[in-house]
Amino acid sequence: MRIIPTQAESPSLKSIQLQGQMYRYHVMLKPSGAQCNLDCSYCFYLHKQDLLRQPKTPRMAESMLELHIKQYIEAQTGNEVVFSWQGGEPTLMGLEFFQRVVELQNKYKKPKQCIENDIQTNGTLLDEAWCEFLSQHNFLVGLSIDGPAEFHDKHRYNKGGKPTHAKVMHAVELLHRYQIPFNALCVVNRDNAKRPNDVYRFIRDQVQPRMIQFIPGMESAQFQSTAPGHWNLDDLPILGSSAAQPGTNDAVVTDWSIVADDWGYFLSRVWGEWIKKDFGRVFVDQFENIVSMMLGYGAQKCVSGQICGKSLAIEHNGDLFSCDHFVYPEYKLGNIQEIHQGDLVFSEEQKKFAYAKSNSLPQYCRQCPYLQYCWGDCPKDRFLKTPDGEAGLHYLCSGLKRFFHTALLSKSEIMKQLKP
């Protein structure tokens, strides 16, 4: 009979043994599972409730919460430990849950260790009480907003199909009033991709976040049933074919997915305005990332790195997965009640996952002049074939190339502006 550890009890930690070495990783915790109060058309996570057979109202038990916090802190030897709360919609857990989070973090943190928290939310449930708590405990907020109402409300609506933009803008007003630092996360889809500067200017001028994060909205047409990397290779379309575009009968992606070339167009147009007017003043994560790589400091985003594997996801029941975008049974590493999460994170299985990013690149990518800025991007989206018919090419390849070309034209100007 297996004994389930409770509260302070924990499976023994075996990975962190070498003195003087730094062990760090990042976990996105989903305390309410896939449950959300919205029904966004492009959500990549709502279907996990059925896929993972979650209860109707998944909730992380306090004993599991304490176990995670204890393990997460003791498995990392850095001076800073960052807790990320996501979903679904994490605010569904209520304020009492997060008040207990802070108590437990204070209980288990090491001497001179800094504990940071961030929470990704749709913003519709934020009120004065939430903002008082977030301000008091220095939470960084990630707020989802897709630009002006005409774009946002087309895809981001509640369970009754009602628009949410007005509520999100109310959350923006509250966050500013309480001086809570927040980032804006904008999903770029087939619709708002056509109006890059309208989207950028609205977020920059009306929302005024600390940082703007643009992410391409896209998923494999089979994403609700087939795990990344487990596609039938014979069915994958070749770059440039009609099936490699959304909206066709045999499309490899969902109808709402962004067109690959539109992603390059969107980023290039926003880059043009940013480099002329906002460089050093407005922070856009993709742009900070490529500037860092231009200057030789390496990638700041996992999708641009040569290897990955240090950003994982824990579900409400303690199941640990290789990545937030790989929450499928095929990528479950184990459960933190049975094996310490530190051992799961630094396991051979997770190392294999991490290095597969570069080891599995097709020759087309290895010969690409932009390889050092891309490394094939995220493996979850490598569902195209190269012109030579080799599988493993990223869906956004053509758009990424366009953006890299545009950005690198500014390299000398950037170097000049940064020169002391």
Protein backbone atom coordinates (compact mmCIF):
# COMPACT_ATOMS: atom_id res chain seq x y z
CA MET A 1 0.00 0.00 0.00
CA ARG A 2 1.43 3.36 -1.04
CA ILE A 3 1.52 6.08 1.60
CA ILE A 4 0.64 9.56 0.29
CA PRO A 5 2.78 12.30 1.88
CA THR A 6 0.78 15.09 3.50
CA GLN A 7 1.66 18.66 4.43
CA ALA A 8 5.30 18.83 5.50
CA GLU A 9 6.00 15.22 4.55
CA SER A 10 7.70 14.86 1.19
CA PRO A 11 9.44 12.25 -0.94
CA SER A 12 13.18 12.53 -0.42
CA LEU A 13 15.10 14.84 -2.73
CA LYS A 14 18.08 13.19 -4.46
CA SER A 15 18.94 15.53 -7.34
CA ILE A 16 20.40 18.52 -5.49
CA GLN A 17 23.63 17.06 -4.23
CA LEU A 18 26.62 18.84 -5.77
CA GLN A 19 27.93 21.69 -3.65
CA GLY A 20 28.44 25.03 -5.35
CA GLN A 21 26.13 24.28 -8.27
CA MET A 22 23.04 26.37 -9.00
CA TYR A 23 19.77 24.52 -9.51
CA ARG A 24 16.86 26.51 -10.88
CA TYR A 25 13.68 25.78 -12.76
CA HIS A 26 10.29 27.34 -13.23
CA VAL A 27 6.84 25.82 -12.79
CA MET A 28 3.48 27.14 -13.89
CA LEU A 29 1.02 25.98 -11.25
CA LYS A 30 -2.62 25.43 -12.21
CA PRO A 31 -4.50 25.28 -8.90
CA SER A 32 -7.94 25.36 -10.56
CA GLY A 33 -6.93 23.04 -13.38
CA ALA A 34 -8.35 23.98 -16.76
CA GLN A 35 -11.47 25.59 -15.35
CA CYS A 36 -12.14 29.15 -16.50
CA ASN A 37 -15.00 31.64 -16.35
CA LEU A 38 -14.37 32.58 -19.99
CA ASP A 39 -14.80 30.54 -23.15
CA CYS A 40 -12.19 32.03 -25.48
CA SER A 41 -12.35 30.56 -28.97
CA TYR A 42 -8.61 29.95 -29.19
CA CYS A 43 -7.90 28.59 -25.71
CA PHE A 44 -5.34 25.78 -25.78
CA TYR A 45 -6.12 24.62 -22.24
CA LEU A 46 -9.89 24.32 -21.72
CA HIS A 47 -9.98 20.86 -23.31
CA LYS A 48 -7.57 19.53 -20.66
CA GLN A 49 -10.54 19.15 -18.32
CA ASP A 50 -11.81 16.30 -20.52
CA LEU A 51 -8.41 15.05 -21.70
CA LEU A 52 -7.08 14.69 -18.14
CA ARG A 53 -10.48 13.63 -16.76
CA GLN A 54 -10.53 16.46 -14.26
CA PRO A 55 -13.52 16.91 -11.93
CA LYS A 56 -16.15 19.50 -12.83
CA THR A 57 -14.62 21.92 -10.34
CA PRO A 58 -10.92 21.06 -10.00
CA ARG A 59 -9.29 22.59 -6.93
CA MET A 60 -5.86 22.10 -5.41
CA ALA A 61 -6.13 20.82 -1.84
CA GLU A 62 -4.26 22.70 0.87
CA SER A 63 -2.10 19.65 1.61
CA MET A 64 -1.05 19.53 -2.05
CA LEU A 65 -0.39 23.26 -2.07
CA GLU A 66 1.88 22.96 0.94
CA LEU A 67 3.68 19.98 -0.55
CA HIS A 68 4.37 21.88 -3.78
CA ILE A 69 5.58 25.04 -2.03
CA LYS A 70 7.88 23.04 0.23
CA GLN A 71 9.35 21.00 -2.63
CA TYR A 72 9.61 23.93 -5.02
CA ILE A 73 11.62 25.96 -2.53
CA GLU A 74 13.90 23.18 -1.29
CA ALA A 75 14.72 21.94 -4.82
CA GLN A 76 16.16 25.29 -5.93
CA THR A 77 19.42 26.76 -4.69
CA GLY A 78 19.14 30.22 -6.24
CA ASN A 79 18.54 33.39 -4.27
CA GLU A 80 15.18 33.94 -5.95
CA VAL A 81 12.26 31.54 -6.40
CA VAL A 82 9.42 32.59 -8.71
CA PHE A 83 5.95 31.13 -8.27
CA SER A 84 3.67 31.44 -11.31
CA TRP A 85 -0.07 30.95 -10.89
CA GLN A 86 -2.01 30.11 -14.03
CA GLY A 87 -4.97 28.16 -15.30
CA GLY A 88 -7.61 28.07 -16.55
CA GLU A 89 -8.33 31.10 -14.41
CA PRO A 90 -6.42 31.04 -11.10
CA THR A 91 -8.50 33.77 -9.42
CA LEU A 92 -11.33 31.21 -9.27
CA MET A 93 -9.45 29.80 -6.26
CA GLY A 94 -10.43 32.90 -4.26
CA LEU A 95 -8.41 35.22 -2.05
CA GLU A 96 -8.21 32.87 0.93
CA PHE A 97 -6.25 30.38 -1.15
CA PHE A 98 -3.63 32.97 -2.09
CA GLN A 99 -3.43 34.33 1.44
CA ARG A 100 -2.52 30.79 2.47
CA VAL A 101 0.03 30.70 -0.38
CA VAL A 102 1.90 33.64 1.13
CA GLU A 103 1.81 32.10 4.61
CA LEU A 104 3.26 28.83 3.35
CA GLN A 105 5.94 30.57 1.30
CA ASN A 106 7.07 32.44 4.42
CA LYS A 107 7.07 29.18 6.35
CA TYR A 108 9.38 27.35 3.95
CA LYS A 109 11.59 30.02 2.38
CA LYS A 110 15.31 29.75 3.05
CA PRO A 111 17.35 32.46 4.79
CA LYS A 112 18.08 35.45 2.53
CA GLN A 113 15.90 33.93 -0.19
CA CYS A 114 13.54 36.15 -2.18
CA ILE A 115 10.12 34.72 -3.04
CA GLU A 116 8.32 36.28 -6.02
CA ASN A 117 4.80 35.65 -7.30
CA ASP A 118 3.11 36.29 -10.62
CA ILE A 119 -0.42 35.50 -11.69
CA GLN A 120 -1.83 35.25 -15.21
CA THR A 121 -5.48 36.33 -15.33
CA ASN A 122 -8.21 37.38 -17.71
CA GLY A 123 -8.89 40.22 -15.26
CA THR A 124 -12.66 39.91 -15.15
CA LEU A 125 -12.77 38.89 -11.46
CA LEU A 126 -10.35 41.51 -10.15
CA ASP A 127 -11.84 43.96 -7.65
CA GLU A 128 -10.68 46.25 -4.83
CA ALA A 129 -10.05 43.36 -2.43
CA TRP A 130 -7.97 41.47 -4.97
CA CYS A 131 -5.94 44.57 -5.78
CA GLU A 132 -5.29 45.33 -2.13
CA PHE A 133 -3.89 41.81 -1.72
CA LEU A 134 -1.84 41.87 -4.94
CA SER A 135 -0.38 45.25 -4.03
CA GLN A 136 0.40 44.29 -0.44
CA HIS A 137 2.25 41.12 -1.46
CA ASN A 138 3.96 42.49 -4.58
CA PHE A 139 2.38 40.13 -7.10
CA LEU A 140 3.22 40.76 -10.75
CA VAL A 141 0.06 40.44 -12.83
CA GLY A 142 -0.16 39.16 -16.39
CA LEU A 143 -3.34 40.50 -17.96
CA SER A 144 -4.77 39.01 -21.16
CA ILE A 145 -6.01 41.59 -23.66
CA ASP A 146 -6.01 41.40 -27.45
CA GLY A 147 -6.08 45.10 -28.28
CA PRO A 148 -9.17 47.26 -28.95
CA ALA A 149 -12.63 45.85 -28.23
CA GLU A 150 -13.30 44.98 -31.88
CA PHE A 151 -10.51 42.40 -31.76
CA HIS A 152 -10.62 41.36 -28.12
CA ASP A 153 -14.34 40.66 -27.98
CA LYS A 154 -14.32 38.58 -31.15
CA HIS A 155 -12.47 35.76 -29.39
CA ARG A 156 -12.51 36.52 -25.66
CA TYR A 157 -16.04 36.10 -24.30
CA ASN A 158 -17.65 34.53 -21.26
CA LYS A 159 -19.56 31.26 -21.01
CA GLY A 160 -22.70 33.04 -22.21
CA GLY A 161 -20.95 34.51 -25.24
CA LYS A 162 -20.91 38.03 -23.77
CA PRO A 163 -17.94 40.36 -24.51
CA THR A 164 -15.30 40.94 -21.82
CA HIS A 165 -13.26 43.93 -23.03
CA ALA A 166 -15.01 46.47 -20.77
CA LYS A 167 -14.34 44.33 -17.69
CA VAL A 168 -10.69 43.93 -18.63
CA MET A 169 -10.29 47.67 -19.06
CA HIS A 170 -11.84 48.11 -15.61
CA ALA A 171 -9.15 45.76 -14.32
CA VAL A 172 -6.55 47.93 -16.06
CA GLU A 173 -7.89 51.00 -14.22
CA LEU A 174 -7.74 49.16 -10.88
CA LEU A 175 -4.20 47.90 -11.46
CA HIS A 176 -3.00 51.41 -12.22
CA ARG A 177 -4.86 52.89 -9.28
CA TYR A 178 -3.25 50.41 -6.89
CA GLN A 179 0.13 50.78 -8.64
CA ILE A 180 0.37 47.05 -9.27
CA PRO A 181 2.98 46.15 -11.91
CA PHE A 182 1.43 44.22 -14.75
CA ASN A 183 2.25 42.88 -18.19
CA ALA A 184 -0.21 42.71 -21.07
CA LEU A 185 -0.42 39.40 -22.89
CA CYS A 186 -1.87 39.75 -26.39
CA VAL A 187 -2.77 36.73 -28.50
CA VAL A 188 -2.16 37.56 -32.16
CA ASN A 189 -4.69 35.66 -34.27
CA ARG A 190 -6.01 35.75 -37.84
CA ASP A 191 -7.98 38.93 -37.11
CA ASN A 192 -5.83 41.35 -35.12
CA ALA A 193 -2.70 40.25 -37.04
CA LYS A 194 -3.88 42.40 -39.95
CA ARG A 195 -3.77 45.60 -37.84
CA PRO A 196 -0.46 45.46 -35.97
CA ASN A 197 0.04 49.12 -35.18
CA ASP A 198 -3.56 49.60 -34.06
CA VAL A 199 -3.11 46.75 -31.59
CA TYR A 200 0.31 47.92 -30.44
CA ARG A 201 -0.68 51.55 -29.99
CA PHE A 202 -3.82 50.66 -28.07
CA ILE A 203 -1.92 48.50 -25.60
CA ARG A 204 0.97 50.94 -25.36
CA ASP A 205 -1.15 54.08 -24.92
CA GLN A 206 -4.44 52.91 -23.37
CA VAL A 207 -3.38 49.91 -21.31
CA GLN A 208 0.16 51.10 -20.47
CA PRO A 209 1.55 47.84 -19.03
CA ARG A 210 5.06 47.29 -17.74
CA MET A 211 5.74 44.95 -20.65
CA ILE A 212 3.85 43.82 -23.75
CA GLN A 213 3.89 40.13 -24.61
CA PHE A 214 2.73 39.15 -28.08
CA ILE A 215 2.11 35.45 -28.58
CA PRO A 216 0.99 33.83 -31.85
CA GLY A 217 -2.42 32.19 -31.58
CA MET A 218 -2.18 28.81 -33.28
CA GLU A 219 -2.67 25.14 -32.60
CA SER A 220 -2.52 21.95 -34.57
CA ALA A 221 -5.93 20.96 -35.89
CA GLN A 222 -5.55 17.82 -33.76
CA PHE A 223 -4.44 19.58 -30.55
CA GLN A 224 -7.42 18.42 -28.48
CA SER A 225 -6.64 14.75 -29.04
CA THR A 226 -3.04 14.36 -30.23
CA ALA A 227 0.03 15.30 -28.21
CA PRO A 228 2.79 17.36 -29.86
CA GLY A 229 5.27 15.16 -31.67
CA HIS A 230 2.81 12.29 -31.92
CA TRP A 231 1.31 13.30 -35.25
CA ASN A 232 1.20 10.96 -38.22
CA LEU A 233 4.23 12.17 -40.16
CA ASP A 234 2.73 11.13 -43.47
CA ASP A 235 -0.12 13.60 -42.90
CA LEU A 236 2.09 16.65 -42.29
CA PRO A 237 1.97 19.22 -45.13
CA ILE A 238 4.96 20.76 -46.84
CA LEU A 239 5.90 24.38 -46.22
CA GLY A 240 3.99 26.63 -48.62
CA SER A 241 1.24 24.14 -49.47
CA SER A 242 -2.43 24.98 -49.04
CA ALA A 243 -2.73 22.58 -46.11
CA ALA A 244 -0.06 24.63 -44.30
CA GLN A 245 -2.54 27.54 -44.08
CA PRO A 246 -5.59 27.99 -41.83
CA GLY A 247 -9.03 28.02 -43.40
CA THR A 248 -8.56 25.23 -45.93
CA ASN A 249 -10.41 21.91 -45.78
CA ASP A 250 -7.23 19.99 -45.04
CA ALA A 251 -5.52 22.66 -42.90
CA VAL A 252 -2.95 21.43 -40.41
CA VAL A 253 -4.02 24.18 -37.98
CA THR A 254 -7.28 25.41 -36.47
CA ASP A 255 -9.35 28.00 -38.34
CA TRP A 256 -8.53 30.74 -35.82
CA SER A 257 -4.76 30.18 -36.09
CA ILE A 258 -2.65 33.02 -37.39
CA VAL A 259 -1.27 32.76 -40.92
CA ALA A 260 2.50 32.23 -40.65
CA ASP A 261 3.38 35.16 -42.92
CA ASP A 262 1.01 37.40 -40.96
CA TRP A 263 3.02 36.73 -37.80
CA GLY A 264 6.12 38.04 -39.56
CA TYR A 265 4.14 41.01 -40.90
CA PHE A 266 2.73 41.81 -37.46
CA LEU A 267 6.06 41.71 -35.64
CA SER A 268 7.91 43.56 -38.40
CA ARG A 269 5.41 46.44 -38.50
CA VAL A 270 5.37 46.83 -34.72
CA TRP A 271 9.17 46.60 -34.66
CA GLY A 272 9.35 49.45 -37.16
CA GLU A 273 7.41 51.77 -34.88
CA TRP A 274 9.08 50.51 -31.71
CA ILE A 275 12.65 50.96 -32.99
CA LYS A 276 11.92 54.53 -34.16
CA LYS A 277 9.86 55.80 -31.23
CA ASP A 278 9.91 53.43 -28.27
CA PHE A 279 13.31 51.72 -28.04
CA GLY A 280 14.43 51.84 -24.41
CA ARG A 281 11.05 53.17 -23.29
CA VAL A 282 8.47 50.49 -24.10
CA PHE A 283 9.30 46.86 -23.36
CA VAL A 284 8.08 44.20 -25.79
CA ASP A 285 9.27 40.73 -24.82
CA GLN A 286 10.02 39.46 -28.35
CA PHE A 287 12.02 42.58 -29.08
CA GLU A 288 13.99 42.50 -25.83
CA ASN A 289 14.67 38.84 -26.62
CA ILE A 290 16.14 39.38 -30.07
CA VAL A 291 18.13 42.43 -28.94
CA SER A 292 19.64 40.28 -26.19
CA MET A 293 20.63 37.65 -28.76
CA MET A 294 22.02 40.30 -31.14
CA LEU A 295 24.29 41.52 -28.35
CA GLY A 296 25.47 38.02 -27.51
CA TYR A 297 23.63 37.66 -24.19
CA GLY A 298 21.54 34.69 -25.29
CA ALA A 299 17.82 34.04 -25.46
CA GLN A 300 15.46 35.37 -22.81
CA LYS A 301 12.59 33.18 -24.02
CA CYS A 302 12.56 29.39 -23.96
CA VAL A 303 11.20 29.19 -27.52
CA SER A 304 14.39 30.85 -28.80
CA GLY A 305 16.85 28.80 -26.80
CA GLN A 306 18.89 25.86 -28.05
CA ILE A 307 17.45 23.63 -25.33
CA CYS A 308 14.36 23.88 -23.17
CA GLY A 309 12.96 21.83 -20.29
CA LYS A 310 13.27 24.25 -17.35
CA SER A 311 9.67 25.52 -17.58
CA LEU A 312 7.22 22.89 -16.42
CA ALA A 313 3.58 22.69 -15.36
CA ILE A 314 1.89 21.20 -12.30
CA GLU A 315 -1.80 20.41 -12.35
CA HIS A 316 -4.13 20.77 -9.36
CA ASN A 317 -3.62 17.11 -8.35
CA GLY A 318 0.19 17.25 -8.30
CA ASP A 319 0.83 15.76 -11.74
CA LEU A 320 3.99 17.30 -13.21
CA PHE A 321 4.35 17.75 -16.99
CA SER A 322 7.36 18.58 -19.13
CA CYS A 323 5.97 21.96 -20.22
CA ASP A 324 2.85 24.11 -20.03
CA HIS A 325 2.19 23.36 -23.71
CA PHE A 326 2.84 19.64 -23.29
CA VAL A 327 0.19 18.85 -20.72
CA TYR A 328 -0.72 15.52 -22.27
CA PRO A 329 -0.49 12.03 -20.74
CA GLU A 330 2.52 11.31 -22.98
CA TYR A 331 4.52 14.06 -21.26
CA LYS A 332 3.58 13.41 -17.65
CA LEU A 333 6.75 13.03 -15.58
CA GLY A 334 5.06 11.83 -12.41
CA ASN A 335 3.22 13.09 -9.37
CA ILE A 336 4.92 15.12 -6.65
CA GLN A 337 3.22 13.03 -3.95
CA GLU A 338 5.17 10.00 -5.13
CA ILE A 339 8.47 11.48 -6.36
CA HIS A 340 9.98 14.80 -5.30
CA GLN A 341 9.49 17.37 -8.05
CA GLY A 342 13.19 18.25 -7.93
CA ASP A 343 14.01 14.68 -8.95
CA LEU A 344 11.38 14.76 -11.70
CA VAL A 345 12.62 18.07 -13.10
CA PHE A 346 16.24 16.92 -13.30
CA SER A 347 15.36 13.37 -14.37
CA GLU A 348 16.81 11.71 -17.45
CA GLU A 349 13.35 11.77 -19.03
CA GLN A 350 13.12 15.56 -18.74
CA LYS A 351 16.70 16.02 -19.94
CA LYS A 352 15.84 13.99 -23.02
CA PHE A 353 12.83 16.25 -23.59
CA ALA A 354 15.03 19.34 -23.22
CA TYR A 355 17.72 18.31 -25.67
CA ALA A 356 15.26 16.93 -28.22
CA LYS A 357 14.55 20.52 -29.20
CA SER A 358 17.88 20.90 -31.00
CA ASN A 359 18.63 17.21 -31.61
CA SER A 360 15.49 16.75 -33.70
CA LEU A 361 15.98 19.74 -36.00
CA PRO A 362 15.67 19.00 -39.73
CA GLN A 363 18.62 19.79 -41.98
CA TYR A 364 16.66 22.71 -43.46
CA CYS A 365 16.84 24.41 -40.05
CA ARG A 366 20.46 23.52 -39.37
CA GLN A 367 21.49 25.32 -42.57
CA CYS A 368 19.30 28.37 -41.91
CA PRO A 369 21.13 31.71 -41.42
CA TYR A 370 18.72 32.54 -38.58
CA LEU A 371 19.27 29.31 -36.63
CA GLN A 372 20.94 31.06 -33.68
CA TYR A 373 17.88 33.30 -33.23
CA CYS A 374 15.33 30.51 -33.46
CA TRP A 375 16.59 26.97 -32.88
CA GLY A 376 13.43 25.69 -34.48
CA ASP A 377 11.20 27.61 -32.04
CA CYS A 378 8.83 25.61 -29.83
CA PRO A 379 8.67 21.88 -30.66
CA LYS A 380 4.93 21.84 -30.02
CA ASP A 381 4.38 23.63 -33.34
CA ARG A 382 6.74 21.68 -35.59
CA PHE A 383 4.03 20.10 -37.70
CA LEU A 384 5.24 21.00 -41.20
CA LYS A 385 7.62 19.33 -43.60
CA THR A 386 10.56 21.13 -45.17
CA PRO A 387 10.67 21.67 -48.95
CA ASP A 388 12.72 18.46 -49.06
CA GLY A 389 9.98 16.54 -47.28
CA GLU A 390 11.69 16.20 -43.89
CA ALA A 391 9.29 16.44 -40.94
CA GLY A 392 9.85 18.76 -37.97
CA LEU A 393 9.60 22.27 -39.41
CA HIS A 394 7.91 24.94 -37.31
CA TYR A 395 4.56 26.21 -38.57
CA LEU A 396 5.68 29.86 -38.29
CA CYS A 397 8.98 29.39 -40.14
CA SER A 398 8.28 31.82 -42.99
CA GLY A 399 6.96 34.51 -40.64
CA LEU A 400 9.87 34.15 -38.23
CA LYS A 401 12.34 34.56 -41.07
CA ARG A 402 10.65 37.77 -42.16
CA PHE A 403 10.85 39.21 -38.68
CA PHE A 404 14.47 38.18 -38.12
CA HIS A 405 15.43 39.80 -41.42
CA THR A 406 13.66 43.04 -40.43
CA ALA A 407 15.11 43.14 -36.92
CA LEU A 408 18.68 42.42 -37.96
CA LEU A 409 18.62 45.38 -40.34
CA SER A 410 18.49 47.53 -37.20
CA LYS A 411 21.43 45.89 -35.46
CA SER A 412 23.94 48.68 -36.15
CA GLU A 413 21.44 51.32 -35.06
CA ILE A 414 20.79 49.45 -31.82
CA MET A 415 24.51 49.10 -31.16
CA LYS A 416 24.94 52.83 -31.74
CA GLN A 417 22.15 53.74 -29.32
CA LEU A 418 23.53 51.45 -26.62
CA LYS A 419 27.09 52.71 -26.96
CA PRO A 420 28.17 54.60 -23.81
